[in-house]
Amino acid sequence: MRLSRILAFARKEVLEIVRDPITVWISLFMPLVMLFLFGVALSFDVKDSPLVVVDHDKSAASRALADQFLNTTYFRLAGAPEDERMAEHMLMKGQARAVLSIPPGFARRLAQGEPAPVEFVVDGTYASTAAIVSAYGRAIIYAFPAGSLRLPIQPEVRVWYNPQLRSRDFIVPGLFAVILMAFPPLLTALAVTREKELGTIAQIYASPLSKSEFVVGKLLPYAAIAFLQLAIVLAGGFLLFKVPMHGSLALLVGLGAIYVLTTVSIGLLVSTLVRTQVAAMLVTLVLTLMPSFLFSGFIYPIFTMPKFFQGYSARIPTMYFVNISRGIVMRGAGLAELWPNVAVLVVYTAVVLVLATFLLKKRIA
């Protein structure tokens, strides 16, 4: 074993690493980024949970009970509709996480010392968060007013959409979005960069294909593969884990096809930015898989994150398909409730495809 050979070989490896600055930067800063994201952005505490108050009594006592909820850091007012039907619609659209319903005669029953029922409904889409929110609500109602436990309020706390708080019922629909964001972009990006490394893409550059034809031609086969992956994960989710389906399977498949195009488009965009398969894999994982796990609402509700990360989450397409998947599977939501998420995915896909076409360098490598 000769030291000179070892040093020469090590020098060659250093030069190769230095020539790939993206890999170096990602390798050096990813641990720090992960530490920052896990330490600052994620929290199991529930704060500013959107609450809808339906006050049929409109008395000083009913307003005091509502204020007792809103004067904490646990809840913020998301709306005050006139009836429970509108409140249910807000729950269905994901605009509220809990509903406080105060019936008529609430103040009179309290004044006469009679039992005064109060309904507190919690969205069970996030099982762990629903348990915490229902516990907060029950504690606030029991402590009304001013910490007294003597008044005969009868809280009726119910959890909708996942009354048994089964974690699988909300994890599996979220996994549909995360898995489809993990593999199709990676497969697409690796396929294009492999052609760059082998030099076979030069034949395509030399052909009469236009940029848009090249992008669409690459998009279609990988979109078909991703659509098969969609079918496989849906079948596995429903057959293996027995997740109950409350909405339309056809609607879920149809909107899943749009999401598939989004994920493959991201892979194409990454392939236009990097030259090697290693860089493609790292960039794709950083842009897709990691944000999908942490900031899509897959595990942690978006409203529990700091405002900055809520804005970041709004730029991640996985968040919109998590809303779509859970909305259809758990709440039985239809296109009327989900169309804002669908519109974002369509616009996102179009923008990414146009950007990938624009950045594609049609030249002999």
Protein backbone atom coordinates (compact mmCIF):
# COMPACT_ATOMS: atom_id res chain seq x y z
CA MET A 1 0.00 0.00 0.00
CA ARG A 2 1.53 3.27 -1.12
CA LEU A 3 0.66 6.56 0.53
CA SER A 4 1.26 8.48 -2.70
CA ARG A 5 -1.41 6.43 -4.51
CA ILE A 6 -3.85 6.93 -1.66
CA LEU A 7 -3.24 10.68 -1.63
CA ALA A 8 -3.55 10.91 -5.40
CA PHE A 9 -6.82 8.99 -5.35
CA ALA A 10 -8.10 11.12 -2.46
CA ARG A 11 -7.18 14.28 -4.39
CA LYS A 12 -9.17 13.03 -7.38
CA GLU A 13 -12.22 12.43 -5.16
CA VAL A 14 -11.90 15.91 -3.62
CA LEU A 15 -11.80 17.47 -7.08
CA GLU A 16 -14.93 15.54 -8.10
CA ILE A 17 -16.72 16.67 -4.95
CA VAL A 18 -15.71 20.30 -5.45
CA ARG A 19 -16.95 20.17 -9.03
CA ASP A 20 -20.42 19.30 -7.71
CA PRO A 21 -21.19 22.29 -5.44
CA ILE A 22 -24.87 21.42 -5.03
CA THR A 23 -23.98 18.12 -3.37
CA VAL A 24 -21.44 19.83 -1.11
CA TRP A 25 -23.85 22.54 0.02
CA ILE A 26 -26.64 20.08 0.67
CA SER A 27 -24.35 17.72 2.58
CA LEU A 28 -23.02 20.50 4.78
CA PHE A 29 -26.18 22.42 5.53
CA MET A 30 -28.87 19.74 5.60
CA PRO A 31 -28.14 18.69 9.23
CA LEU A 32 -28.44 22.31 10.33
CA VAL A 33 -31.61 22.82 8.32
CA MET A 34 -33.16 19.65 9.75
CA LEU A 35 -32.28 20.72 13.30
CA PHE A 36 -33.85 24.12 12.73
CA LEU A 37 -37.00 22.73 11.15
CA PHE A 38 -37.63 20.06 13.77
CA GLY A 39 -36.77 22.37 16.65
CA VAL A 40 -38.67 25.47 15.64
CA ALA A 41 -41.42 24.54 13.23
CA LEU A 42 -42.87 21.43 14.82
CA SER A 43 -44.86 21.38 18.00
CA PHE A 44 -47.38 19.06 19.61
CA ASP A 45 -49.03 22.01 21.36
CA VAL A 46 -52.37 23.17 20.05
CA LYS A 47 -52.66 26.94 19.66
CA ASP A 48 -55.03 29.15 17.69
CA SER A 49 -57.30 26.26 16.78
CA PRO A 50 -60.03 27.78 14.56
CA LEU A 51 -63.32 27.73 16.49
CA VAL A 52 -66.84 28.37 15.21
CA VAL A 53 -69.37 29.66 17.74
CA VAL A 54 -73.09 29.12 17.11
CA ASP A 55 -74.84 31.22 19.76
CA HIS A 56 -78.60 30.66 19.75
CA ASP A 57 -79.04 32.28 23.17
CA LYS A 58 -77.30 35.61 22.48
CA SER A 59 -77.20 36.44 26.19
CA ALA A 60 -74.50 37.86 28.42
CA ALA A 61 -73.84 34.35 29.79
CA SER A 62 -73.47 32.78 26.32
CA ARG A 63 -71.12 35.57 25.19
CA ALA A 64 -69.11 35.11 28.38
CA LEU A 65 -68.74 31.37 27.66
CA ALA A 66 -67.62 32.09 24.10
CA ASP A 67 -65.14 34.70 25.39
CA GLN A 68 -63.79 32.16 27.84
CA PHE A 69 -62.76 30.04 24.83
CA LEU A 70 -61.43 32.94 22.78
CA ASN A 71 -59.49 34.57 25.62
CA THR A 72 -57.14 31.59 25.71
CA THR A 73 -54.29 30.89 23.31
CA TYR A 74 -55.89 27.59 22.35
CA PHE A 75 -58.70 28.93 20.17
CA ARG A 76 -59.34 31.76 17.74
CA LEU A 77 -62.67 32.74 16.23
CA ALA A 78 -63.09 31.36 12.71
CA GLY A 79 -66.75 32.38 12.36
CA ALA A 80 -70.07 32.89 14.09
CA PRO A 81 -72.76 31.48 11.77
CA GLU A 82 -76.45 31.50 12.61
CA ASP A 83 -76.99 27.74 12.53
CA GLU A 84 -75.18 24.41 12.83
CA ARG A 85 -75.57 23.64 9.13
CA MET A 86 -73.18 26.45 8.17
CA ALA A 87 -70.83 25.43 10.99
CA GLU A 88 -70.78 21.86 9.65
CA HIS A 89 -69.98 23.20 6.19
CA MET A 90 -66.98 25.07 7.63
CA LEU A 91 -65.81 21.87 9.32
CA MET A 92 -66.20 20.00 6.03
CA LYS A 93 -64.03 22.55 4.20
CA GLY A 94 -61.39 22.44 6.92
CA GLN A 95 -61.93 26.11 7.85
CA ALA A 96 -62.72 25.18 11.47
CA ARG A 97 -61.46 22.51 13.87
CA ALA A 98 -64.17 22.83 16.53
CA VAL A 99 -67.72 24.11 16.94
CA LEU A 100 -69.21 25.49 20.15
CA SER A 101 -73.00 25.39 19.99
CA ILE A 102 -74.95 27.18 22.74
CA PRO A 103 -78.71 26.40 22.68
CA PRO A 104 -81.55 28.88 23.44
CA GLY A 105 -82.39 29.31 27.12
CA PHE A 106 -78.79 28.80 28.23
CA ALA A 107 -78.70 31.90 30.48
CA ARG A 108 -82.16 31.21 31.92
CA ARG A 109 -81.27 27.64 32.89
CA LEU A 110 -78.07 28.82 34.56
CA ALA A 111 -79.98 31.51 36.51
CA GLN A 112 -82.53 28.95 37.70
CA GLY A 113 -79.83 26.41 38.59
CA GLU A 114 -81.06 23.94 35.97
CA PRO A 115 -78.75 21.79 33.81
CA ALA A 116 -77.62 23.85 30.80
CA PRO A 117 -76.44 21.64 27.91
CA VAL A 118 -73.66 22.91 25.63
CA GLU A 119 -72.46 21.07 22.52
CA PHE A 120 -68.76 21.05 21.60
CA VAL A 121 -67.94 19.29 18.31
CA VAL A 122 -64.33 18.54 17.32
CA ASP A 123 -62.96 17.65 13.89
CA GLY A 124 -61.35 14.22 14.31
CA THR A 125 -59.29 14.36 11.10
CA TYR A 126 -56.13 14.67 13.19
CA ALA A 127 -56.66 12.10 15.92
CA SER A 128 -53.97 13.35 18.30
CA THR A 129 -54.95 17.01 17.89
CA ALA A 130 -58.65 16.21 18.26
CA ALA A 131 -58.03 14.56 21.62
CA ILE A 132 -56.14 17.64 22.87
CA VAL A 133 -58.72 20.11 21.52
CA SER A 134 -61.63 18.18 23.07
CA ALA A 135 -59.79 18.10 26.41
CA TYR A 136 -59.19 21.87 26.25
CA GLY A 137 -62.84 22.50 25.41
CA ARG A 138 -64.13 20.27 28.18
CA ALA A 139 -61.83 21.96 30.73
CA ILE A 140 -62.93 25.46 29.68
CA ILE A 141 -66.61 24.57 29.88
CA TYR A 142 -66.23 22.98 33.31
CA ALA A 143 -64.36 26.05 34.56
CA PHE A 144 -67.03 28.52 33.41
CA PRO A 145 -67.32 31.14 34.78
CA ALA A 146 -64.14 32.34 36.48
CA GLY A 147 -62.92 28.89 37.42
CA SER A 148 -66.12 27.84 39.26
CA LEU A 149 -67.18 24.20 39.07
CA ARG A 150 -70.55 24.70 40.71
CA LEU A 151 -72.75 25.73 37.78
CA PRO A 152 -74.79 22.94 36.18
CA ILE A 153 -73.41 23.14 32.64
CA GLN A 154 -73.66 19.81 30.83
CA PRO A 155 -71.03 19.70 28.06
CA GLU A 156 -71.69 17.28 25.22
CA VAL A 157 -68.32 16.78 23.52
CA ARG A 158 -68.36 14.88 20.24
CA VAL A 159 -65.71 14.06 17.64
CA TRP A 160 -66.78 14.02 14.00
CA TYR A 161 -65.25 12.19 10.99
CA ASN A 162 -63.08 9.95 13.19
CA PRO A 163 -65.06 9.36 16.40
CA GLN A 164 -62.83 6.48 17.51
CA LEU A 165 -59.71 8.64 16.94
CA ARG A 166 -58.03 5.81 15.01
CA SER A 167 -54.62 7.03 13.85
CA ARG A 168 -54.70 4.82 10.73
CA ASP A 169 -57.83 6.53 9.47
CA PHE A 170 -56.00 9.84 9.15
CA ILE A 171 -52.43 8.61 8.47
CA VAL A 172 -53.25 6.37 5.49
CA PRO A 173 -55.11 9.06 3.43
CA GLY A 174 -52.18 11.40 4.13
CA LEU A 175 -49.73 8.74 3.00
CA PHE A 176 -51.39 8.69 -0.42
CA ALA A 177 -50.09 12.24 -0.94
CA VAL A 178 -46.65 11.72 0.62
CA ILE A 179 -45.81 8.48 -1.24
CA LEU A 180 -46.83 9.93 -4.59
CA MET A 181 -44.63 12.95 -3.94
CA ALA A 182 -41.66 10.72 -3.05
CA PHE A 183 -41.22 8.33 -5.97
CA PRO A 184 -42.57 9.81 -9.25
CA PRO A 185 -40.41 13.00 -9.09
CA LEU A 186 -37.34 10.99 -8.12
CA LEU A 187 -37.88 8.46 -10.91
CA THR A 188 -38.36 11.20 -13.51
CA ALA A 189 -35.38 13.28 -12.40
CA LEU A 190 -33.06 10.25 -12.32
CA ALA A 191 -34.17 9.09 -15.76
CA VAL A 192 -33.31 12.41 -17.42
CA THR A 193 -30.03 12.98 -15.56
CA ARG A 194 -28.96 9.40 -16.33
CA GLU A 195 -29.29 10.24 -20.01
CA LYS A 196 -27.15 13.33 -19.39
CA GLU A 197 -24.44 11.28 -17.69
CA LEU A 198 -24.43 8.60 -20.40
CA GLY A 199 -24.49 11.20 -23.16
CA THR A 200 -27.50 9.61 -24.87
CA ILE A 201 -29.48 12.80 -24.42
CA ALA A 202 -27.24 14.35 -27.09
CA GLN A 203 -29.14 12.29 -29.67
CA ILE A 204 -32.37 13.86 -28.49
CA TYR A 205 -30.86 17.35 -28.54
CA ALA A 206 -29.74 16.73 -32.11
CA SER A 207 -33.23 15.60 -33.17
CA PRO A 208 -35.90 17.99 -34.49
CA LEU A 209 -37.86 17.72 -31.18
CA SER A 210 -38.89 21.07 -29.70
CA LYS A 211 -38.55 21.84 -25.99
CA SER A 212 -42.25 21.40 -25.31
CA GLU A 213 -42.34 18.12 -27.24
CA PHE A 214 -39.39 16.85 -25.24
CA VAL A 215 -41.04 17.80 -21.91
CA VAL A 216 -44.43 16.31 -22.78
CA GLY A 217 -42.80 13.20 -24.23
CA LYS A 218 -40.91 12.69 -20.99
CA LEU A 219 -43.97 13.54 -18.89
CA LEU A 220 -46.44 11.03 -20.33
CA PRO A 221 -44.72 7.67 -19.63
CA TYR A 222 -43.71 8.62 -16.11
CA ALA A 223 -47.18 10.01 -15.44
CA ALA A 224 -48.57 6.62 -16.49
CA ILE A 225 -46.21 4.87 -14.08
CA ALA A 226 -47.14 7.31 -11.31
CA PHE A 227 -50.84 6.70 -12.01
CA LEU A 228 -50.24 2.97 -11.52
CA GLN A 229 -48.53 3.82 -8.24
CA LEU A 230 -51.62 5.83 -7.29
CA ALA A 231 -53.85 2.81 -7.97
CA ILE A 232 -51.54 0.54 -5.97
CA VAL A 233 -51.36 2.78 -2.90
CA LEU A 234 -55.13 3.37 -2.94
CA ALA A 235 -55.83 -0.36 -3.18
CA GLY A 236 -53.28 -1.11 -0.48
CA GLY A 237 -54.62 1.60 1.80
CA PHE A 238 -58.22 0.46 1.61
CA LEU A 239 -57.69 -3.31 1.46
CA LEU A 240 -54.80 -3.77 3.90
CA PHE A 241 -55.65 -1.12 6.48
CA LYS A 242 -59.46 -1.21 6.17
CA VAL A 243 -59.71 2.57 6.09
CA PRO A 244 -63.39 3.51 5.74
CA MET A 245 -64.28 5.47 2.61
CA HIS A 246 -66.93 8.16 3.14
CA GLY A 247 -66.69 9.95 -0.21
CA SER A 248 -66.39 9.15 -3.90
CA LEU A 249 -63.55 6.83 -4.97
CA ALA A 250 -63.91 8.02 -8.58
CA LEU A 251 -63.41 11.62 -7.46
CA LEU A 252 -60.33 10.64 -5.45
CA VAL A 253 -58.82 8.82 -8.46
CA GLY A 254 -59.63 11.70 -10.80
CA LEU A 255 -58.05 14.35 -8.57
CA GLY A 256 -55.18 11.97 -7.87
CA ALA A 257 -54.42 11.97 -11.61
CA ILE A 258 -53.95 15.76 -11.45
CA TYR A 259 -51.64 15.37 -8.47
CA VAL A 260 -49.63 12.72 -10.35
CA LEU A 261 -48.96 15.23 -13.15
CA THR A 262 -47.81 17.71 -10.49
CA THR A 263 -45.28 15.30 -9.00
CA VAL A 264 -43.85 14.19 -12.36
CA SER A 265 -43.55 17.84 -13.45
CA ILE A 266 -41.44 18.58 -10.37
CA GLY A 267 -39.11 15.74 -11.36
CA LEU A 268 -38.73 17.20 -14.84
CA LEU A 269 -37.98 20.63 -13.39
CA VAL A 270 -35.28 19.19 -11.12
CA SER A 271 -33.71 17.37 -14.07
CA THR A 272 -33.26 20.71 -15.88
CA LEU A 273 -31.37 22.17 -12.90
CA VAL A 274 -28.77 19.44 -12.20
CA ARG A 275 -26.37 17.33 -14.24
CA THR A 276 -25.74 14.19 -12.15
CA GLN A 277 -27.96 11.50 -10.69
CA VAL A 278 -26.62 12.09 -7.18
CA ALA A 279 -27.49 15.77 -7.32
CA ALA A 280 -30.89 14.93 -8.80
CA MET A 281 -31.63 12.53 -5.95
CA LEU A 282 -30.56 14.98 -3.24
CA VAL A 283 -32.38 17.97 -4.71
CA THR A 284 -35.53 15.94 -5.30
CA LEU A 285 -35.55 14.62 -1.74
CA VAL A 286 -35.01 18.11 -0.33
CA LEU A 287 -37.74 19.65 -2.50
CA THR A 288 -40.34 16.91 -2.21
CA LEU A 289 -40.04 14.22 0.46
CA MET A 290 -38.84 16.26 3.41
CA PRO A 291 -41.38 19.10 3.07
CA SER A 292 -44.10 16.54 2.45
CA PHE A 293 -43.43 14.86 5.76
CA LEU A 294 -43.00 18.00 7.82
CA PHE A 295 -45.09 20.77 6.30
CA SER A 296 -47.95 19.21 4.37
CA GLY A 297 -50.21 18.57 7.34
CA PHE A 298 -49.52 14.85 6.99
CA ILE A 299 -48.58 14.47 10.66
CA TYR A 300 -48.86 17.93 12.20
CA PRO A 301 -51.79 20.30 11.57
CA ILE A 302 -50.77 23.39 9.64
CA PHE A 303 -52.54 25.77 12.04
CA THR A 304 -50.29 24.68 14.93
CA MET A 305 -47.16 25.90 13.09
CA PRO A 306 -45.69 29.42 13.25
CA LYS A 307 -47.06 31.85 10.65
CA PHE A 308 -43.87 31.74 8.58
CA PHE A 309 -44.07 27.96 8.17
CA GLN A 310 -47.80 28.16 7.46
CA GLY A 311 -46.89 30.35 4.49
CA TYR A 312 -44.19 27.87 3.47
CA SER A 313 -46.69 25.01 3.68
CA ALA A 314 -49.00 26.85 1.29
CA ARG A 315 -46.27 26.52 -1.38
CA ILE A 316 -46.05 22.72 -1.07
CA PRO A 317 -48.44 20.84 -3.41
CA THR A 318 -48.58 17.86 -1.04
CA MET A 319 -50.58 19.95 1.42
CA TYR A 320 -53.38 20.40 -1.10
CA PHE A 321 -53.63 16.70 -1.93
CA VAL A 322 -53.55 15.82 1.77
CA ASN A 323 -56.59 18.11 2.12
CA ILE A 324 -58.23 16.46 -0.89
CA SER A 325 -57.50 12.89 0.19
CA ARG A 326 -58.60 13.34 3.80
CA GLY A 327 -61.56 15.44 2.75
CA ILE A 328 -62.90 12.69 0.47
CA VAL A 329 -61.93 9.65 2.55
CA MET A 330 -62.74 10.93 6.05
CA ARG A 331 -65.33 13.68 5.63
CA GLY A 332 -67.05 12.60 2.43
CA ALA A 333 -66.32 15.98 0.86
CA GLY A 334 -67.12 16.68 -2.77
CA LEU A 335 -65.78 18.98 -5.45
CA ALA A 336 -67.81 21.88 -4.02
CA GLU A 337 -65.70 21.82 -0.86
CA LEU A 338 -62.38 20.81 -2.46
CA TRP A 339 -62.20 22.97 -5.60
CA PRO A 340 -59.77 25.57 -4.10
CA ASN A 341 -57.21 22.80 -3.51
CA VAL A 342 -57.77 21.41 -7.03
CA ALA A 343 -57.35 24.85 -8.60
CA VAL A 344 -54.00 25.34 -6.83
CA LEU A 345 -52.72 21.95 -8.07
CA VAL A 346 -53.73 22.71 -11.67
CA VAL A 347 -52.04 26.13 -11.62
CA TYR A 348 -48.97 24.72 -9.85
CA THR A 349 -48.57 21.97 -12.48
CA ALA A 350 -48.91 24.42 -15.36
CA VAL A 351 -46.33 26.80 -13.87
CA VAL A 352 -43.82 24.02 -13.19
CA LEU A 353 -44.17 22.60 -16.71
CA VAL A 354 -43.70 26.03 -18.30
CA LEU A 355 -40.67 26.66 -16.10
CA ALA A 356 -39.16 23.26 -16.96
CA THR A 357 -39.66 23.93 -20.66
CA PHE A 358 -38.08 27.37 -20.33
CA LEU A 359 -35.04 26.08 -18.44
CA LEU A 360 -34.45 23.13 -20.71
CA LYS A 361 -31.18 23.73 -22.52
CA LYS A 362 -31.44 22.34 -25.98
CA ARG A 363 -27.82 21.95 -26.83
CA ILE A 364 -25.25 19.29 -27.50
CA ALA A 365 -23.73 18.44 -24.12
